[in-house]
């Protein structure tokens, strides 16, 4: 038996968790850490959020917490068996062990159990199916810890059964592969076969759920390998990707952006050949307006908006920003530079502040230009001069320039 006692584990024992543990102990209900948090702790990472599992039913938990005067938060999860208690400024999400009675590939009807192994059986991947006692004892029914150490991603039990319970698990498989596996191509052939046979099931999954997973895949490791796999296994068409995605460009851009922290959309756009590819993605996945605009921007400008030869390579990008009437053009240009793999220019761009045009209509009125039309025209001319100077001319220089004009 394995017992975990690392610093990350010890750090979990806040006053809140100690109080929760005490309540469960008093009532003889078992309480363990479940799923992803166990995986993170075993990898020496601090988990972002912690899910707990228990043998107590939701009504037993409610009674226990209420009589101890503990505040319960929203009851949205209650029909799935989840109770959220708030102690010492901290939320604790605790779920009763369950068995899936009926699944339709999207959601499950559950019944409660006190059998830890039965609950582990309904989880997706071996590395996500472990429990950790509050004494550090590991409960691992499917060799998840071995798989984690060997960086193997496997479904719990039969891949096809797990996938048919919730088709989104196909994408979760890819996501965790990109997070944990060491090299590309380390898949069990039977797993890939099961994915291919069930790919069509993704057609019934909501766009929002798919987009959450896809974004994580795009920012993980092995993304080039995994997206190629999506095409080989016939997944692409069901998740809004173009049938004839540009995989060569995708390979190039994933290399370009590797260390530049791109947005998911920046990476994904390299698959797209035309504007319609972005529109179709949006129809299927309901991406945000900002994401859609970034995709359209990159498709439109990635070819012709490139660095200038000569001493001022950044000028075309700066001019574009200065001419643009839209907000956040700056951040779109930064994503374009990542897409193009221009690391040095990106750094310069991030340090550049947009200069503000030093002359106003008020200045021109003082100089005796009175009609609005003339002021507009003069300002336009001065803007041009200012741009030619690389935005360096100041107010005095520009106004003396106006006298010449």
Protein backbone atom coordinates (compact mmCIF):
# COMPACT_ATOMS: atom_id res chain seq x y z
CA UNK A 1 0.00 0.00 0.00
CA UNK A 2 1.19 3.47 -0.88
CA UNK A 3 1.00 6.38 1.53
CA UNK A 4 1.43 9.94 0.36
CA UNK A 5 2.92 12.52 2.73
CA UNK A 6 4.44 15.20 0.46
CA UNK A 7 4.35 18.94 1.12
CA UNK A 8 1.54 19.51 -1.39
CA UNK A 9 -0.61 17.00 0.49
CA UNK A 10 0.19 18.46 3.92
CA UNK A 11 -0.69 21.94 2.63
CA UNK A 12 -4.31 20.87 2.04
CA UNK A 13 -5.00 20.64 5.74
CA UNK A 14 -6.48 24.09 6.27
CA UNK A 15 -8.66 24.83 9.31
CA UNK A 16 -11.64 24.27 6.99
CA UNK A 17 -10.59 20.79 5.92
CA UNK A 18 -9.76 19.81 9.51
CA UNK A 19 -13.27 20.81 10.59
CA UNK A 20 -14.86 18.90 7.70
CA UNK A 21 -12.79 15.80 8.46
CA UNK A 22 -13.83 15.94 12.12
CA UNK A 23 -17.54 16.07 11.28
CA UNK A 24 -17.32 13.03 8.99
CA UNK A 25 -15.21 11.09 11.49
CA UNK A 26 -17.71 11.72 14.29
CA UNK A 27 -20.46 10.21 12.15
CA UNK A 28 -18.29 7.35 10.86
CA UNK A 29 -18.73 8.40 7.22
CA UNK A 30 -15.71 7.81 5.01
CA UNK A 31 -14.28 10.85 3.24
CA UNK A 32 -11.54 10.77 0.59
CA UNK A 33 -10.02 13.07 -2.01
CA UNK A 34 -11.07 11.96 -5.51
CA UNK A 35 -10.09 12.14 -9.17
CA UNK A 36 -7.96 14.90 -10.65
CA UNK A 37 -6.69 16.24 -7.32
CA UNK A 38 -5.22 12.82 -6.49
CA UNK A 39 -3.52 12.72 -9.89
CA UNK A 40 -2.00 16.17 -9.30
CA UNK A 41 -0.84 15.35 -5.76
CA UNK A 42 0.85 12.16 -6.95
CA UNK A 43 2.62 14.20 -9.66
CA UNK A 44 3.91 16.59 -6.99
CA UNK A 45 1.62 19.40 -8.11
CA UNK A 46 -0.75 21.51 -6.03
CA UNK A 47 -4.29 20.76 -7.24
CA UNK A 48 -6.34 23.74 -8.48
CA UNK A 49 -9.56 22.46 -6.99
CA UNK A 50 -10.28 19.45 -4.86
CA UNK A 51 -13.22 17.10 -5.11
CA UNK A 52 -14.12 14.89 -2.20
CA UNK A 53 -16.05 11.62 -2.29
CA UNK A 54 -17.92 10.04 0.59
CA UNK A 55 -20.06 7.09 1.64
CA UNK A 56 -22.59 9.52 3.18
CA UNK A 57 -25.72 10.25 1.14
CA UNK A 58 -26.65 13.85 0.27
CA UNK A 59 -29.41 13.90 2.87
CA UNK A 60 -27.08 12.51 5.56
CA UNK A 61 -24.55 15.21 4.69
CA UNK A 62 -27.19 17.94 4.74
CA UNK A 63 -28.40 16.87 8.13
CA UNK A 64 -24.87 16.61 9.52
CA UNK A 65 -23.82 20.03 8.22
CA UNK A 66 -27.05 21.78 9.17
CA UNK A 67 -27.03 20.52 12.72
CA UNK A 68 -23.39 21.64 13.02
CA UNK A 69 -24.44 25.11 11.80
CA UNK A 70 -22.42 24.88 8.59
CA UNK A 71 -23.56 26.97 5.63
CA UNK A 72 -24.53 25.06 2.46
CA UNK A 73 -24.09 26.68 -0.93
CA UNK A 74 -26.24 26.30 -4.09
CA UNK A 75 -27.95 22.92 -4.41
CA UNK A 76 -27.50 22.59 -8.19
CA UNK A 77 -25.32 19.49 -7.82
CA UNK A 78 -27.59 17.77 -5.35
CA UNK A 79 -29.40 15.47 -7.76
CA UNK A 80 -25.99 14.14 -8.86
CA UNK A 81 -25.12 13.69 -5.20
CA UNK A 82 -22.93 16.76 -4.67
CA UNK A 83 -23.19 18.95 -1.59
CA UNK A 84 -21.13 22.13 -1.24
CA UNK A 85 -20.35 23.25 2.30
CA UNK A 86 -18.60 26.48 3.29
CA UNK A 87 -16.27 26.47 6.31
CA UNK A 88 -13.55 28.98 7.23
CA UNK A 89 -13.97 30.96 4.00
CA UNK A 90 -13.45 27.82 1.90
CA UNK A 91 -15.87 25.77 -0.22
CA UNK A 92 -15.86 21.98 -0.02
CA UNK A 93 -17.52 20.02 -2.81
CA UNK A 94 -18.36 16.56 -1.57
CA UNK A 95 -20.05 13.92 -3.71
CA UNK A 96 -21.68 10.66 -2.66
CA UNK A 97 -20.20 7.53 -4.28
CA UNK A 98 -22.39 6.55 -7.23
CA UNK A 99 -23.10 4.02 -9.93
CA UNK A 100 -24.32 5.05 -13.38
CA UNK A 101 -27.64 3.31 -13.96
CA UNK A 102 -28.47 4.77 -17.36
CA UNK A 103 -26.23 6.70 -19.73
CA UNK A 104 -27.10 8.23 -23.10
CA UNK A 105 -23.68 9.39 -24.22
CA UNK A 106 -24.22 12.81 -22.67
CA UNK A 107 -25.48 12.50 -19.11
CA UNK A 108 -26.09 9.72 -16.63
CA UNK A 109 -28.76 8.75 -14.14
CA UNK A 110 -27.05 7.72 -10.94
CA UNK A 111 -27.78 5.77 -7.82
CA UNK A 112 -25.75 6.04 -4.63
CA UNK A 113 -23.43 3.33 -3.31
CA UNK A 114 -20.91 2.80 -0.52
CA UNK A 115 -18.62 0.73 -2.75
CA UNK A 116 -15.49 2.74 -3.67
CA UNK A 117 -14.52 0.42 -6.50
CA UNK A 118 -17.93 0.77 -8.16
CA UNK A 119 -17.49 4.54 -8.16
CA UNK A 120 -13.97 4.24 -9.60
CA UNK A 121 -15.32 2.00 -12.39
CA UNK A 122 -17.52 4.80 -13.78
CA UNK A 123 -14.65 7.30 -14.08
CA UNK A 124 -13.03 7.95 -17.45
CA UNK A 125 -9.26 7.34 -17.28
CA UNK A 126 -7.17 5.26 -14.90
CA UNK A 127 -5.14 8.31 -13.84
CA UNK A 128 -8.40 10.03 -12.82
CA UNK A 129 -9.93 7.07 -10.98
CA UNK A 130 -7.91 7.06 -7.75
CA UNK A 131 -8.87 8.10 -4.20
CA UNK A 132 -6.69 9.38 -1.40
CA UNK A 133 -7.59 8.96 2.26
CA UNK A 134 -6.99 11.94 4.54
CA UNK A 135 -4.27 9.81 6.17
CA UNK A 136 -2.45 9.78 2.80
CA UNK A 137 -3.46 6.20 1.94
CA UNK A 138 -3.90 5.62 -1.81
CA UNK A 139 -6.87 3.60 -3.11
CA UNK A 140 -6.18 2.63 -6.69
CA UNK A 141 -8.34 -0.07 -8.30
CA UNK A 142 -7.13 0.24 -11.91
CA UNK A 143 -3.36 0.78 -11.70
CA UNK A 144 -3.73 4.50 -12.20
CA UNK A 145 -0.58 5.22 -10.21
CA UNK A 146 1.47 2.84 -12.39
CA UNK A 147 0.05 4.50 -15.51
CA UNK A 148 0.83 7.95 -14.12
CA UNK A 149 4.44 6.96 -13.39
CA UNK A 150 4.78 5.42 -16.85
CA UNK A 151 2.96 8.40 -18.42
CA UNK A 152 0.33 6.12 -19.98
CA UNK A 153 -3.21 7.29 -20.71
CA UNK A 154 -5.75 4.50 -20.61
CA UNK A 155 -9.49 4.24 -20.15
CA UNK A 156 -10.86 2.48 -17.08
CA UNK A 157 -11.98 -0.99 -18.23
CA UNK A 158 -13.16 -1.18 -21.84
CA UNK A 159 -12.53 1.98 -23.85
CA UNK A 160 -15.67 1.65 -25.97
CA UNK A 161 -17.91 1.30 -22.89
CA UNK A 162 -16.41 4.36 -21.20
CA UNK A 163 -16.73 6.40 -24.40
CA UNK A 164 -20.35 5.41 -24.98
CA UNK A 165 -21.23 6.65 -21.49
CA UNK A 166 -20.09 10.14 -22.51
CA UNK A 167 -18.64 10.78 -25.96
CA UNK A 168 -16.80 13.86 -24.71
CA UNK A 169 -14.35 11.39 -23.14
CA UNK A 170 -12.76 11.04 -26.56
CA UNK A 171 -11.53 14.62 -26.24
CA UNK A 172 -10.64 14.15 -22.59
CA UNK A 173 -8.42 11.26 -23.66
CA UNK A 174 -6.58 13.63 -26.03
CA UNK A 175 -6.39 16.39 -23.43
CA UNK A 176 -4.77 14.18 -20.81
CA UNK A 177 -2.53 12.61 -23.41
CA UNK A 178 -1.23 16.10 -24.18
CA UNK A 179 -0.75 16.75 -20.51
CA UNK A 180 0.83 13.54 -19.28
CA UNK A 181 2.23 11.38 -22.11
CA UNK A 182 5.92 11.79 -22.81
CA UNK A 183 6.07 10.99 -26.50
CA UNK A 184 3.71 11.04 -29.46
CA UNK A 185 2.21 7.83 -30.78
CA UNK A 186 2.14 5.98 -27.45
CA UNK A 187 -1.47 4.81 -27.75
CA UNK A 188 -3.00 1.37 -27.35
CA UNK A 189 -4.27 0.35 -30.80
CA UNK A 190 -7.52 -0.91 -29.27
CA UNK A 191 -8.12 2.54 -27.74
CA UNK A 192 -7.68 4.29 -31.09
CA UNK A 193 -9.99 1.74 -32.68
CA UNK A 194 -12.66 2.39 -30.05
CA UNK A 195 -12.31 6.14 -30.59
CA UNK A 196 -12.68 5.80 -34.34
CA UNK A 197 -15.74 3.57 -34.05
CA UNK A 198 -17.43 6.04 -31.68
CA UNK A 199 -16.29 9.35 -33.20
CA UNK A 200 -19.76 10.04 -34.56
CA UNK A 201 -21.10 10.22 -31.03
CA UNK A 202 -19.40 13.62 -30.69
CA UNK A 203 -22.03 15.02 -33.06
CA UNK A 204 -24.51 14.91 -30.18
CA UNK A 205 -22.31 16.75 -27.68
CA UNK A 206 -22.89 20.47 -27.16
CA UNK A 207 -20.47 22.87 -28.80
CA UNK A 208 -19.69 24.59 -25.52
CA UNK A 209 -18.47 21.37 -23.87
CA UNK A 210 -16.36 20.49 -26.91
CA UNK A 211 -14.77 23.94 -27.06
CA UNK A 212 -13.71 23.77 -23.39
CA UNK A 213 -11.80 20.52 -24.07
CA UNK A 214 -10.47 21.56 -27.47
CA UNK A 215 -8.95 24.77 -26.08
CA UNK A 216 -7.06 22.77 -23.46
CA UNK A 217 -5.79 20.35 -26.12
CA UNK A 218 -4.56 23.28 -28.24
CA UNK A 219 -2.47 24.61 -25.36
CA UNK A 220 -1.06 21.23 -24.28
CA UNK A 221 1.86 19.16 -25.58
CA UNK A 222 1.82 16.99 -28.71
CA UNK A 223 -0.89 19.20 -30.21
CA UNK A 224 0.28 18.63 -33.79
CA UNK A 225 0.17 14.86 -33.29
CA UNK A 226 -3.23 14.96 -31.58
CA UNK A 227 -4.94 17.12 -34.20
CA UNK A 228 -3.61 14.88 -36.98
CA UNK A 229 -5.07 11.98 -35.04
CA UNK A 230 -8.44 13.76 -34.96
CA UNK A 231 -8.39 13.75 -38.75
CA UNK A 232 -7.20 10.14 -39.03
CA UNK A 233 -9.88 8.92 -36.62
CA UNK A 234 -12.70 10.89 -38.33
CA UNK A 235 -13.32 13.16 -35.35
CA UNK A 236 -12.61 16.53 -36.98
CA UNK A 237 -15.88 16.78 -38.92
CA UNK A 238 -18.00 16.30 -35.79
CA UNK A 239 -16.35 19.07 -33.79
CA UNK A 240 -16.52 21.90 -36.30
CA UNK A 241 -13.10 21.54 -37.95
CA UNK A 242 -12.84 21.87 -41.74
CA UNK A 243 -12.73 18.57 -43.66
CA UNK A 244 -9.66 19.68 -45.59
CA UNK A 245 -7.80 21.33 -42.71
CA UNK A 246 -4.36 22.67 -43.62
CA UNK A 247 -2.23 20.25 -41.60
CA UNK A 248 1.09 21.49 -43.03
CA UNK A 249 0.38 25.03 -41.89
CA UNK A 250 -0.82 23.66 -38.54
CA UNK A 251 2.53 21.88 -38.02
CA UNK A 252 4.41 25.04 -38.89
CA UNK A 253 2.40 27.27 -36.58
CA UNK A 254 2.46 24.88 -33.63
CA UNK A 255 6.28 25.01 -33.88
CA UNK A 256 6.21 28.81 -34.24
CA UNK A 257 4.05 29.36 -31.19
CA UNK A 258 5.56 26.68 -28.97
CA UNK A 259 7.04 28.97 -26.31
CA UNK A 260 5.00 32.10 -26.98
CA UNK A 261 1.80 31.36 -24.99
CA UNK A 262 -0.61 31.79 -27.94
CA UNK A 263 -4.36 31.92 -27.51
CA UNK A 264 -6.06 28.64 -28.50
CA UNK A 265 -7.71 30.37 -31.46
CA UNK A 266 -4.32 31.50 -32.80
CA UNK A 267 -3.14 27.90 -33.01
CA UNK A 268 -6.42 26.59 -34.40
CA UNK A 269 -6.71 29.21 -37.15
CA UNK A 270 -3.68 27.71 -38.90
CA UNK A 271 -5.95 24.81 -39.96
CA UNK A 272 -8.29 27.23 -41.73
CA UNK A 273 -7.96 28.20 -45.39
CA UNK A 274 -10.87 30.63 -45.73
CA UNK A 275 -13.14 32.88 -43.66
CA UNK A 276 -15.99 30.36 -43.85
CA UNK A 277 -13.92 27.90 -41.83
CA UNK A 278 -14.07 30.33 -38.91
CA UNK A 279 -17.82 30.86 -39.37
CA UNK A 280 -18.46 27.12 -39.45
CA UNK A 281 -16.42 26.58 -36.30
CA UNK A 282 -18.47 29.28 -34.59
CA UNK A 283 -21.76 27.68 -35.71
CA UNK A 284 -20.72 24.35 -34.18
CA UNK A 285 -18.88 25.47 -31.05
CA UNK A 286 -20.40 28.89 -30.27
CA UNK A 287 -17.02 30.47 -29.64
CA UNK A 288 -16.87 33.95 -28.12
CA UNK A 289 -17.11 37.06 -30.25
CA UNK A 290 -13.51 37.90 -29.43
CA UNK A 291 -12.32 34.45 -30.50
CA UNK A 292 -14.25 34.63 -33.73
CA UNK A 293 -12.85 38.09 -34.53
CA UNK A 294 -9.31 36.91 -33.84
CA UNK A 295 -9.78 33.95 -36.20
CA UNK A 296 -11.14 36.17 -38.97
CA UNK A 297 -8.35 38.70 -38.42
CA UNK A 298 -5.61 36.06 -38.71
CA UNK A 299 -7.10 34.45 -41.82
CA UNK A 300 -7.31 37.87 -43.44
CA UNK A 301 -3.91 39.32 -42.54
CA UNK A 302 -1.50 36.43 -41.90
CA UNK A 303 -0.12 36.50 -45.47
CA UNK A 304 0.28 40.13 -46.38
CA UNK A 305 0.87 41.82 -43.02
CA UNK A 306 4.51 40.87 -42.48
CA UNK A 307 7.65 42.58 -41.24
CA UNK A 308 9.35 45.27 -43.32
CA UNK A 309 12.83 44.76 -44.71
CA UNK A 310 15.33 47.31 -43.47
CA UNK A 311 15.88 49.05 -40.15
CA UNK A 312 12.24 49.18 -38.99
CA UNK A 313 10.79 45.67 -39.29
CA UNK A 314 7.95 46.49 -36.89
CA UNK A 315 6.63 49.48 -38.87
CA UNK A 316 3.90 47.70 -40.90
CA UNK A 317 2.38 46.33 -37.67
CA UNK A 318 2.61 49.69 -35.92
CA UNK A 319 1.06 51.49 -38.91
CA UNK A 320 -1.75 48.96 -38.93
CA UNK A 321 -2.50 49.64 -35.27
CA UNK A 322 -2.35 53.41 -35.75
CA UNK A 323 -4.72 53.24 -38.75
CA UNK A 324 -7.12 50.91 -37.03
CA UNK A 325 -10.24 52.36 -35.49
CA UNK A 326 -10.91 49.28 -33.37
CA UNK A 327 -10.10 48.52 -29.77
CA UNK A 328 -7.76 45.62 -28.98
CA UNK A 329 -6.08 45.64 -32.41
CA UNK A 330 -2.89 45.60 -30.40
CA UNK A 331 -3.55 42.18 -28.89
CA UNK A 332 -4.60 40.78 -32.29
CA UNK A 333 -1.30 41.96 -33.78
CA UNK A 334 0.58 40.26 -30.95
CA UNK A 335 -1.25 37.00 -31.76
CA UNK A 336 -0.37 37.46 -35.43
CA UNK A 337 3.33 37.83 -34.51
CA UNK A 338 3.12 34.60 -32.48
CA UNK A 339 1.45 32.88 -35.43
CA UNK A 340 4.30 34.03 -37.66
CA UNK A 341 6.89 32.93 -35.10
CA UNK A 342 8.34 36.45 -34.79
CA UNK A 343 9.55 36.12 -31.21
CA UNK A 344 11.87 39.15 -31.22
CA UNK A 345 9.31 41.46 -32.84
CA UNK A 346 6.66 40.23 -30.41
CA UNK A 347 8.82 41.33 -27.49
CA UNK A 348 9.35 44.76 -29.04
CA UNK A 349 5.65 45.04 -29.79
CA UNK A 350 4.73 44.24 -26.20
CA UNK A 351 7.01 47.04 -25.01
CA UNK A 352 5.72 49.59 -27.54
CA UNK A 353 3.06 52.00 -26.36
CA UNK A 354 0.69 53.49 -28.89
CA UNK A 355 1.69 57.16 -29.23
CA UNK A 356 -1.11 59.70 -29.20
CA UNK A 357 -1.44 62.25 -31.97
CA UNK A 358 -0.21 65.57 -30.53
CA UNK A 359 -2.37 68.02 -32.52
CA UNK A 360 -6.05 68.76 -31.90
CA UNK A 361 -8.71 70.82 -33.69
CA UNK A 362 -8.36 73.31 -30.88
CA UNK A 363 -4.71 73.96 -31.90
CA UNK A 364 -5.77 74.64 -35.47
CA UNK A 365 -8.52 77.07 -34.43
CA UNK A 366 -5.90 79.04 -32.50
CA UNK A 367 -3.95 79.27 -35.74
CA UNK A 368 -6.97 80.71 -37.49
CA UNK A 369 -8.33 77.68 -39.35
CA UNK A 370 -12.04 78.07 -38.73
CA UNK A 371 -14.22 75.82 -40.89
CA UNK A 372 -14.82 72.31 -39.63
CA UNK A 373 -14.19 70.88 -43.06
CA UNK A 374 -10.76 72.56 -43.32
CA UNK A 375 -9.82 71.45 -39.82
CA UNK A 376 -10.70 67.84 -40.71
CA UNK A 377 -8.62 67.94 -43.86
CA UNK A 378 -5.67 69.62 -42.14
CA UNK A 379 -5.68 67.08 -39.30
CA UNK A 380 -5.72 64.27 -41.85
CA UNK A 381 -2.70 65.75 -43.66
CA UNK A 382 -0.81 66.23 -40.41
CA UNK A 383 -1.57 62.65 -39.37
CA UNK A 384 0.03 61.49 -42.62
CA UNK A 385 3.16 63.59 -41.98
CA UNK A 386 3.29 62.32 -38.41
CA UNK A 387 3.03 58.72 -39.63
CA UNK A 388 5.85 59.26 -42.16
CA UNK A 389 8.05 60.50 -39.35
CA UNK A 390 7.54 57.22 -37.51
CA UNK A 391 5.22 59.04 -35.05
CA UNK A 392 8.15 61.10 -33.78
CA UNK A 393 7.15 64.66 -34.79
CA UNK A 394 5.85 66.72 -31.89
CA UNK A 395 3.21 69.42 -31.83
CA UNK A 396 5.57 72.29 -32.74
CA UNK A 397 7.06 70.45 -35.71
CA UNK A 398 3.66 69.45 -37.00
CA UNK A 399 2.19 72.96 -36.72
CA UNK A 400 5.16 74.54 -38.50
CA UNK A 401 4.66 71.86 -41.13
CA UNK A 402 1.06 73.06 -41.48
CA UNK A 403 2.27 76.58 -42.24
CA UNK A 404 4.34 75.19 -45.13
CA UNK A 405 1.31 73.27 -46.40
